[in-house]
PDB file of N, CA and C in Angstrom:
ATOM      1  N   MET A   1      70.005 182.354  67.564  1.00  0.00           N
ATOM      2  CA  MET A   1      68.673 181.862  67.520  1.00  0.00           C
ATOM      3  C   MET A   1      68.649 180.340  67.566  1.00  0.00           C
ATOM      4  N   LYS A   2      69.652 179.717  66.982  1.00  0.00           N
ATOM      5  CA  LYS A   2      69.708 178.263  66.990  1.00  0.00           C
ATOM      6  C   LYS A   2      69.866 177.738  68.411  1.00  0.00           C
ATOM      7  N   LYS A   3      70.607 178.438  69.229  1.00  0.00           N
ATOM      8  CA  LYS A   3      70.827 177.991  70.598  1.00  0.00           C
ATOM      9  C   LYS A   3      69.520 178.032  71.396  1.00  0.00           C
ATOM     10  N   ILE A   4      68.730 179.060  71.183  1.00  0.00           N
ATOM     11  CA  ILE A   4      67.467 179.185  71.928  1.00  0.00           C
ATOM     12  C   ILE A   4      66.483 178.111  71.472  1.00  0.00           C
ATOM     13  N   SER A   5      66.379 177.842  70.210  1.00  0.00           N
ATOM     14  CA  SER A   5      65.460 176.807  69.720  1.00  0.00           C
ATOM     15  C   SER A   5      65.936 175.414  70.163  1.00  0.00           C
ATOM     16  N   MET A   6      67.257 175.238  70.216  1.00  0.00           N
ATOM     17  CA  MET A   6      67.808 173.969  70.698  1.00  0.00           C
ATOM     18  C   MET A   6      67.502 173.801  72.180  1.00  0.00           C
ATOM     19  N   LEU A   7      67.640 174.853  72.958  1.00  0.00           N
ATOM     20  CA  LEU A   7      67.358 174.813  74.389  1.00  0.00           C
ATOM     21  C   LEU A   7      65.873 174.547  74.639  1.00  0.00           C
ATOM     22  N   ILE A   8      65.000 175.182  73.898  1.00  0.00           N
ATOM     23  CA  ILE A   8      63.558 174.961  74.043  1.00  0.00           C
ATOM     24  C   ILE A   8      63.210 173.521  73.650  1.00  0.00           C
ATOM     25  N   GLY A   9      63.826 172.975  72.649  1.00  0.00           N
ATOM     26  CA  GLY A   9      63.589 171.587  72.219  1.00  0.00           C
ATOM     27  C   GLY A   9      64.009 170.592  73.290  1.00  0.00           C
ATOM     28  N   ILE A  10      65.179 170.812  73.882  1.00  0.00           N
ATOM     29  CA  ILE A  10      65.687 169.916  74.931  1.00  0.00           C
ATOM     30  C   ILE A  10      64.786 169.976  76.169  1.00  0.00           C
ATOM     31  N   LEU A  11      64.359 171.187  76.545  1.00  0.00           N
ATOM     32  CA  LEU A  11      63.473 171.334  77.706  1.00  0.00           C
ATOM     33  C   LEU A  11      62.120 170.676  77.464  1.00  0.00           C
ATOM     34  N   SER A  12      61.600 170.754  76.257  1.00  0.00           N
ATOM     35  CA  SER A  12      60.309 170.134  75.964  1.00  0.00           C
ATOM     36  C   SER A  12      60.414 168.603  75.995  1.00  0.00           C
ATOM     37  N   VAL A  13      61.507 168.051  75.493  1.00  0.00           N
ATOM     38  CA  VAL A  13      61.717 166.598  75.533  1.00  0.00           C
ATOM     39  C   VAL A  13      61.842 166.129  76.979  1.00  0.00           C
ATOM     40  N   MET A  14      62.579 166.873  77.805  1.00  0.00           N
ATOM     41  CA  MET A  14      62.736 166.516  79.213  1.00  0.00           C
ATOM     42  C   MET A  14      61.400 166.574  79.947  1.00  0.00           C
ATOM     43  N   ALA A  15      60.556 167.567  79.611  1.00  0.00           N
ATOM     44  CA  ALA A  15      59.250 167.690  80.246  1.00  0.00           C
ATOM     45  C   ALA A  15      58.350 166.523  79.873  1.00  0.00           C
ATOM     46  N   ILE A  16      58.395 166.094  78.618  1.00  0.00           N
ATOM     47  CA  ILE A  16      57.566 164.971  78.175  1.00  0.00           C
ATOM     48  C   ILE A  16      58.005 163.673  78.839  1.00  0.00           C
ATOM     49  N   VAL A  17      59.315 163.464  78.916  1.00  0.00           N
ATOM     50  CA  VAL A  17      59.838 162.243  79.528  1.00  0.00           C
ATOM     51  C   VAL A  17      59.553 162.203  81.026  1.00  0.00           C
ATOM     52  N   SER A  18      59.640 163.326  81.698  1.00  0.00           N
ATOM     53  CA  SER A  18      59.424 163.343  83.150  1.00  0.00           C
ATOM     54  C   SER A  18      57.950 163.192  83.508  1.00  0.00           C
ATOM     55  N   CYS A  19      57.028 163.488  82.623  1.00  0.00           N
ATOM     56  CA  CYS A  19      55.596 163.376  82.896  1.00  0.00           C
ATOM     57  C   CYS A  19      55.043 162.000  82.551  1.00  0.00           C
ATOM     58  N   LYS A  20      55.867 161.117  82.063  1.00  0.00           N
ATOM     59  CA  LYS A  20      55.411 159.786  81.691  1.00  0.00           C
ATOM     60  C   LYS A  20      54.931 159.043  82.931  1.00  0.00           C
ATOM     61  N   GLU A  21      53.787 158.338  82.804  1.00  0.00           N
ATOM     62  CA  GLU A  21      53.249 157.587  83.939  1.00  0.00           C
ATOM     63  C   GLU A  21      54.147 156.399  84.240  1.00  0.00           C
ATOM     64  N   LYS A  22      54.357 156.203  85.508  1.00  0.00           N
ATOM     65  CA  LYS A  22      55.167 155.079  85.945  1.00  0.00           C
ATOM     66  C   LYS A  22      54.231 153.977  86.409  1.00  0.00           C
ATOM     67  N   GLU A  23      54.501 152.773  85.960  1.00  0.00           N
ATOM     68  CA  GLU A  23      53.706 151.636  86.400  1.00  0.00           C
ATOM     69  C   GLU A  23      54.246 151.151  87.730  1.00  0.00           C
ATOM     70  N   GLU A  24      53.384 151.165  88.716  1.00  0.00           N
ATOM     71  CA  GLU A  24      53.763 150.670  90.028  1.00  0.00           C
ATOM     72  C   GLU A  24      53.104 149.317  90.243  1.00  0.00           C
ATOM     73  N   THR A  25      53.913 148.324  90.535  1.00  0.00           N
ATOM     74  CA  THR A  25      53.361 147.001  90.798  1.00  0.00           C
ATOM     75  C   THR A  25      52.929 146.956  92.257  1.00  0.00           C
ATOM     76  N   PRO A  26      51.691 146.581  92.495  1.00  0.00           N
ATOM     77  CA  PRO A  26      51.222 146.512  93.885  1.00  0.00           C
ATOM     78  C   PRO A  26      51.919 145.393  94.640  1.00  0.00           C
ATOM     79  N   ASP A  27      52.083 145.589  95.914  1.00  0.00           N
ATOM     80  CA  ASP A  27      52.724 144.589  96.769  1.00  0.00           C
ATOM     81  C   ASP A  27      51.761 143.419  96.939  1.00  0.00           C
ATOM     82  N   THR A  28      52.142 142.268  96.397  1.00  0.00           N
ATOM     83  CA  THR A  28      51.246 141.113  96.420  1.00  0.00           C
ATOM     84  C   THR A  28      51.498 140.189  97.597  1.00  0.00           C
ATOM     85  N   THR A  29      52.445 140.514  98.442  1.00  0.00           N
ATOM     86  CA  THR A  29      52.697 139.659  99.593  1.00  0.00           C
ATOM     87  C   THR A  29      51.687 139.962 100.677  1.00  0.00           C
ATOM     88  N   THR A  30      51.164 138.902 101.266  1.00  0.00           N
ATOM     89  CA  THR A  30      50.220 139.048 102.373  1.00  0.00           C
ATOM     90  C   THR A  30      50.727 138.238 103.547  1.00  0.00           C
ATOM     91  N   ASN A  31      50.478 138.744 104.709  1.00  0.00           N
ATOM     92  CA  ASN A  31      50.876 138.047 105.932  1.00  0.00           C
ATOM     93  C   ASN A  31      49.664 137.320 106.474  1.00  0.00           C
ATOM     94  N   GLN A  32      49.808 136.046 106.697  1.00  0.00           N
ATOM     95  CA  GLN A  32      48.736 135.251 107.266  1.00  0.00           C
ATOM     96  C   GLN A  32      49.232 134.637 108.548  1.00  0.00           C
ATOM     97  N   THR A  33      48.369 134.648 109.554  1.00  0.00           N
ATOM     98  CA  THR A  33      48.696 134.035 110.825  1.00  0.00           C
ATOM     99  C   THR A  33      47.908 132.747 110.943  1.00  0.00           C
ATOM    100  N   ILE A  34      48.602 131.666 111.178  1.00  0.00           N
ATOM    101  CA  ILE A  34      47.960 130.366 111.346  1.00  0.00           C
ATOM    102  C   ILE A  34      48.131 129.961 112.803  1.00  0.00           C
ATOM    103  N   GLU A  35      47.013 129.693 113.435  1.00  0.00           N
ATOM    104  CA  GLU A  35      47.034 129.330 114.849  1.00  0.00           C
ATOM    105  C   GLU A  35      46.709 127.849 114.970  1.00  0.00           C
ATOM    106  N   VAL A  36      47.619 127.106 115.603  1.00  0.00           N
ATOM    107  CA  VAL A  36      47.447 125.666 115.767  1.00  0.00           C
ATOM    108  C   VAL A  36      47.364 125.374 117.253  1.00  0.00           C
ATOM    109  N   THR A  37      46.331 124.651 117.617  1.00  0.00           N
ATOM    110  CA  THR A  37      46.197 124.261 119.021  1.00  0.00           C
ATOM    111  C   THR A  37      46.232 122.748 119.102  1.00  0.00           C
ATOM    112  N   ASN A  38      47.050 122.265 119.986  1.00  0.00           N
ATOM    113  CA  ASN A  38      47.166 120.828 120.209  1.00  0.00           C
ATOM    114  C   ASN A  38      46.682 120.513 121.614  1.00  0.00           C
ATOM    115  N   GLU A  39      45.815 119.538 121.697  1.00  0.00           N
ATOM    116  CA  GLU A  39      45.352 119.117 123.010  1.00  0.00           C
ATOM    117  C   GLU A  39      46.280 118.034 123.530  1.00  0.00           C
ATOM    118  N   ALA A  40      46.537 118.099 124.821  1.00  0.00           N
ATOM    119  CA  ALA A  40      47.400 117.103 125.445  1.00  0.00           C
ATOM    120  C   ALA A  40      46.652 115.771 125.483  1.00  0.00           C
ATOM    121  N   PRO A  41      47.345 114.685 125.222  1.00  0.00           N
ATOM    122  CA  PRO A  41      46.669 113.389 125.275  1.00  0.00           C
ATOM    123  C   PRO A  41      46.239 113.073 126.703  1.00  0.00           C
ATOM    124  N   ALA A  42      45.153 112.351 126.796  1.00  0.00           N
ATOM    125  CA  ALA A  42      44.637 111.980 128.116  1.00  0.00           C
ATOM    126  C   ALA A  42      45.635 111.058 128.812  1.00  0.00           C
ATOM    127  N   VAL A  43      45.954 111.377 130.036  1.00  0.00           N
ATOM    128  CA  VAL A  43      46.903 110.587 130.814  1.00  0.00           C
ATOM    129  C   VAL A  43      46.110 109.666 131.731  1.00  0.00           C
ATOM    130  N   GLU A  44      46.434 108.406 131.638  1.00  0.00           N
ATOM    131  CA  GLU A  44      45.759 107.417 132.463  1.00  0.00           C
ATOM    132  C   GLU A  44      46.397 107.428 133.848  1.00  0.00           C
ATOM    133  N   GLU A  45      45.589 107.601 134.867  1.00  0.00           N
ATOM    134  CA  GLU A  45      46.120 107.657 136.229  1.00  0.00           C
ATOM    135  C   GLU A  45      46.304 106.250 136.778  1.00  0.00           C
ATOM    136  N   ASN A  46      47.502 105.980 137.251  1.00  0.00           N
ATOM    137  CA  ASN A  46      47.856 104.715 137.883  1.00  0.00           C
ATOM    138  C   ASN A  46      47.384 103.493 137.093  1.00  0.00           C
ATOM    139  N   PRO A  47      47.909 103.286 135.914  1.00  0.00           N
ATOM    140  CA  PRO A  47      47.501 102.109 135.142  1.00  0.00           C
ATOM    141  C   PRO A  47      48.047 100.838 135.794  1.00  0.00           C
ATOM    142  N   ASP A  48      47.376  99.732 135.541  1.00  0.00           N
ATOM    143  CA  ASP A  48      47.865  98.462 136.059  1.00  0.00           C
ATOM    144  C   ASP A  48      49.148  98.090 135.330  1.00  0.00           C
ATOM    145  N   GLY A  49      50.093  97.506 136.059  1.00  0.00           N
ATOM    146  CA  GLY A  49      51.339  97.082 135.452  1.00  0.00           C
ATOM    147  C   GLY A  49      52.501  97.327 136.399  1.00  0.00           C
ATOM    148  N   THR A  50      53.702  97.151 135.876  1.00  0.00           N
ATOM    149  CA  THR A  50      54.926  97.292 136.669  1.00  0.00           C
ATOM    150  C   THR A  50      55.836  98.296 135.989  1.00  0.00           C
ATOM    151  N   SER A  51      56.435  99.175 136.809  1.00  0.00           N
ATOM    152  CA  SER A  51      57.413 100.105 136.261  1.00  0.00           C
ATOM    153  C   SER A  51      58.680 100.041 137.101  1.00  0.00           C
ATOM    154  N   VAL A  52      59.832 100.142 136.427  1.00  0.00           N
ATOM    155  CA  VAL A  52      61.131 100.076 137.089  1.00  0.00           C
ATOM    156  C   VAL A  52      61.938 101.278 136.630  1.00  0.00           C
ATOM    157  N   SER A  53      62.493 102.050 137.595  1.00  0.00           N
ATOM    158  CA  SER A  53      63.361 103.178 137.302  1.00  0.00           C
ATOM    159  C   SER A  53      64.691 102.967 137.982  1.00  0.00           C
ATOM    160  N   ILE A  54      65.772 103.032 137.201  1.00  0.00           N
ATOM    161  CA  ILE A  54      67.113 102.868 137.743  1.00  0.00           C
ATOM    162  C   ILE A  54      67.888 104.129 137.426  1.00  0.00           C
ATOM    163  N   GLY A  55      68.446 104.749 138.448  1.00  0.00           N
ATOM    164  CA  GLY A  55      69.221 105.964 138.258  1.00  0.00           C
ATOM    165  C   GLY A  55      70.393 105.994 139.218  1.00  0.00           C
ATOM    166  N   SER A  56      71.145 107.102 139.180  1.00  0.00           N
ATOM    167  CA  SER A  56      72.312 107.225 140.049  1.00  0.00           C
ATOM    168  C   SER A  56      71.910 107.376 141.514  1.00  0.00           C
ATOM    169  N   ASP A  57      70.660 107.760 141.768  1.00  0.00           N
ATOM    170  CA  ASP A  57      70.217 107.932 143.151  1.00  0.00           C
ATOM    171  C   ASP A  57      69.541 106.686 143.705  1.00  0.00           C
ATOM    172  N   GLY A  58      69.349 105.633 142.931  1.00  0.00           N
ATOM    173  CA  GLY A  58      68.764 104.397 143.449  1.00  0.00           C
ATOM    174  C   GLY A  58      67.838 103.730 142.462  1.00  0.00           C
ATOM    175  N   ILE A  59      67.022 102.795 143.002  1.00  0.00           N
ATOM    176  CA  ILE A  59      66.099 102.020 142.177  1.00  0.00           C
ATOM    177  C   ILE A  59      64.689 102.214 142.714  1.00  0.00           C
ATOM    178  N   ASP A  60      63.726 102.417 141.811  1.00  0.00           N
ATOM    179  CA  ASP A  60      62.317 102.498 142.173  1.00  0.00           C
ATOM    180  C   ASP A  60      61.565 101.429 141.387  1.00  0.00           C
ATOM    181  N   VAL A  61      60.780 100.610 142.099  1.00  0.00           N
ATOM    182  CA  VAL A  61      59.953  99.590 141.463  1.00  0.00           C
ATOM    183  C   VAL A  61      58.541  99.776 141.994  1.00  0.00           C
ATOM    184  N   SER A  62      57.564  99.855 141.083  1.00  0.00           N
ATOM    185  CA  SER A  62      56.173  99.936 141.532  1.00  0.00           C
ATOM    186  C   SER A  62      55.329  98.991 140.698  1.00  0.00           C
ATOM    187  N   THR A  63      54.368  98.331 141.369  1.00  0.00           N
ATOM    188  CA  THR A  63      53.489  97.374 140.726  1.00  0.00           C
ATOM    189  C   THR A  63      52.065  97.674 141.152  1.00  0.00           C
ATOM    190  N   LYS A  64      51.140  97.623 140.195  1.00  0.00           N
ATOM    191  CA  LYS A  64      49.743  97.846 140.512  1.00  0.00           C
ATOM    192  C   LYS A  64      48.914  96.820 139.773  1.00  0.00           C
ATOM    193  N   SER A  65      48.007  96.192 140.508  1.00  0.00           N
ATOM    194  CA  SER A  65      47.089  95.221 139.930  1.00  0.00           C
ATOM    195  C   SER A  65      45.731  95.455 140.583  1.00  0.00           C
ATOM    196  N   GLY A  66      44.871  96.190 139.883  1.00  0.00           N
ATOM    197  CA  GLY A  66      43.558  96.503 140.449  1.00  0.00           C
ATOM    198  C   GLY A  66      43.705  97.433 141.641  1.00  0.00           C
ATOM    199  N   GLU A  67      43.213  96.988 142.803  1.00  0.00           N
ATOM    200  CA  GLU A  67      43.311  97.784 144.029  1.00  0.00           C
ATOM    201  C   GLU A  67      44.636  97.579 144.756  1.00  0.00           C
ATOM    202  N   ASN A  68      45.383  96.519 144.445  1.00  0.00           N
ATOM    203  CA  ASN A  68      46.649  96.223 145.122  1.00  0.00           C
ATOM    204  C   ASN A  68      47.775  97.033 144.481  1.00  0.00           C
ATOM    205  N   GLN A  69      48.605  97.631 145.336  1.00  0.00           N
ATOM    206  CA  GLN A  69      49.700  98.455 144.842  1.00  0.00           C
ATOM    207  C   GLN A  69      50.925  98.224 145.719  1.00  0.00           C
ATOM    208  N   THR A  70      52.085  98.031 145.084  1.00  0.00           N
ATOM    209  CA  THR A  70      53.332  97.821 145.814  1.00  0.00           C
ATOM    210  C   THR A  70      54.386  98.757 145.256  1.00  0.00           C
ATOM    211  N   LYS A  71      55.122  99.450 146.149  1.00  0.00           N
ATOM    212  CA  LYS A  71      56.205 100.340 145.751  1.00  0.00           C
ATOM    213  C   LYS A  71      57.460  99.966 146.529  1.00  0.00           C
ATOM    214  N   VAL A  72      58.589  99.862 145.817  1.00  0.00           N
ATOM    215  CA  VAL A  72      59.876  99.574 146.439  1.00  0.00           C
ATOM    216  C   VAL A  72      60.848 100.656 145.991  1.00  0.00           C
ATOM    217  N   ASN A  73      61.544 101.278 146.982  1.00  0.00           N
ATOM    218  CA  ASN A  73      62.509 102.328 146.694  1.00  0.00           C
ATOM    219  C   ASN A  73      63.791 101.993 147.435  1.00  0.00           C
ATOM    220  N   VAL A  74      64.889 101.809 146.711  1.00  0.00           N
ATOM    221  CA  VAL A  74      66.184 101.518 147.317  1.00  0.00           C
ATOM    222  C   VAL A  74      67.141 102.620 146.875  1.00  0.00           C
ATOM    223  N   SER A  75      67.687 103.361 147.871  1.00  0.00           N
ATOM    224  CA  SER A  75      68.633 104.414 147.523  1.00  0.00           C
ATOM    225  C   SER A  75      69.522 104.723 148.721  1.00  0.00           C
ATOM    226  N   GLY A  76      70.770 105.004 148.461  1.00  0.00           N
ATOM    227  CA  GLY A  76      71.727 105.453 149.456  1.00  0.00           C
ATOM    228  C   GLY A  76      71.836 104.546 150.676  1.00  0.00           C
ATOM    229  N   GLY A  77      71.689 103.247 150.507  1.00  0.00           N
ATOM    230  CA  GLY A  77      71.798 102.340 151.635  1.00  0.00           C
ATOM    231  C   GLY A  77      70.492 102.223 152.419  1.00  0.00           C
ATOM    232  N   ASP A  78      69.509 103.049 152.147  1.00  0.00           N
ATOM    233  CA  ASP A  78      68.214 102.954 152.813  1.00  0.00           C
ATOM    234  C   ASP A  78      67.240 102.200 151.911  1.00  0.00           C
ATOM    235  N   ALA A  79      66.416 101.370 152.516  1.00  0.00           N
ATOM    236  CA  ALA A  79      65.419 100.634 151.752  1.00  0.00           C
ATOM    237  C   ALA A  79      64.038 100.972 152.315  1.00  0.00           C
ATOM    238  N   LYS A  80      63.065 101.112 151.434  1.00  0.00           N
ATOM    239  CA  LYS A  80      61.716 101.425 151.853  1.00  0.00           C
ATOM    240  C   LYS A  80      60.751 100.607 151.005  1.00  0.00           C
ATOM    241  N   VAL A  81      59.851  99.894 151.640  1.00  0.00           N
ATOM    242  CA  VAL A  81      58.854  99.098 150.946  1.00  0.00           C
ATOM    243  C   VAL A  81      57.489  99.547 151.407  1.00  0.00           C
ATOM    244  N   GLU A  82      56.591  99.797 150.450  1.00  0.00           N
ATOM    245  CA  GLU A  82      55.237 100.248 150.774  1.00  0.00           C
ATOM    246  C   GLU A  82      54.256  99.348 150.023  1.00  0.00           C
ATOM    247  N   VAL A  83      53.330  98.742 150.754  1.00  0.00           N
ATOM    248  CA  VAL A  83      52.326  97.875 150.157  1.00  0.00           C
ATOM    249  C   VAL A  83      50.964  98.423 150.527  1.00  0.00           C
ATOM    250  N   LYS A  84      50.094  98.652 149.528  1.00  0.00           N
ATOM    251  CA  LYS A  84      48.734  99.135 149.777  1.00  0.00           C
ATOM    252  C   LYS A  84      47.747  98.094 149.240  1.00  0.00           C
ATOM    253  N   LYS A  85      46.718  97.833 150.042  1.00  0.00           N
ATOM    254  CA  LYS A  85      45.663  96.908 149.601  1.00  0.00           C
ATOM    255  C   LYS A  85      44.329  97.539 149.778  1.00  0.00           C
TER     256      LYS A  85
END
């Protein structure tokens, strides 16, 4: 009789422990999407001034002053000069 009462006691304790409510912590992480738009800066077309480019393929020089424009390109033994007024 002791074995049966012991078995019933153990089963009742296991039933009580297994029915205990479990605290579930909610997932607090959230995903946010941030959209960033950048506008390209305004590019000034043909500003007045002088620019010089030197590279392995030759030299480019261009000058602009108002309506007058001069371009010089020297490369590979060939020379080209362009003047616009």
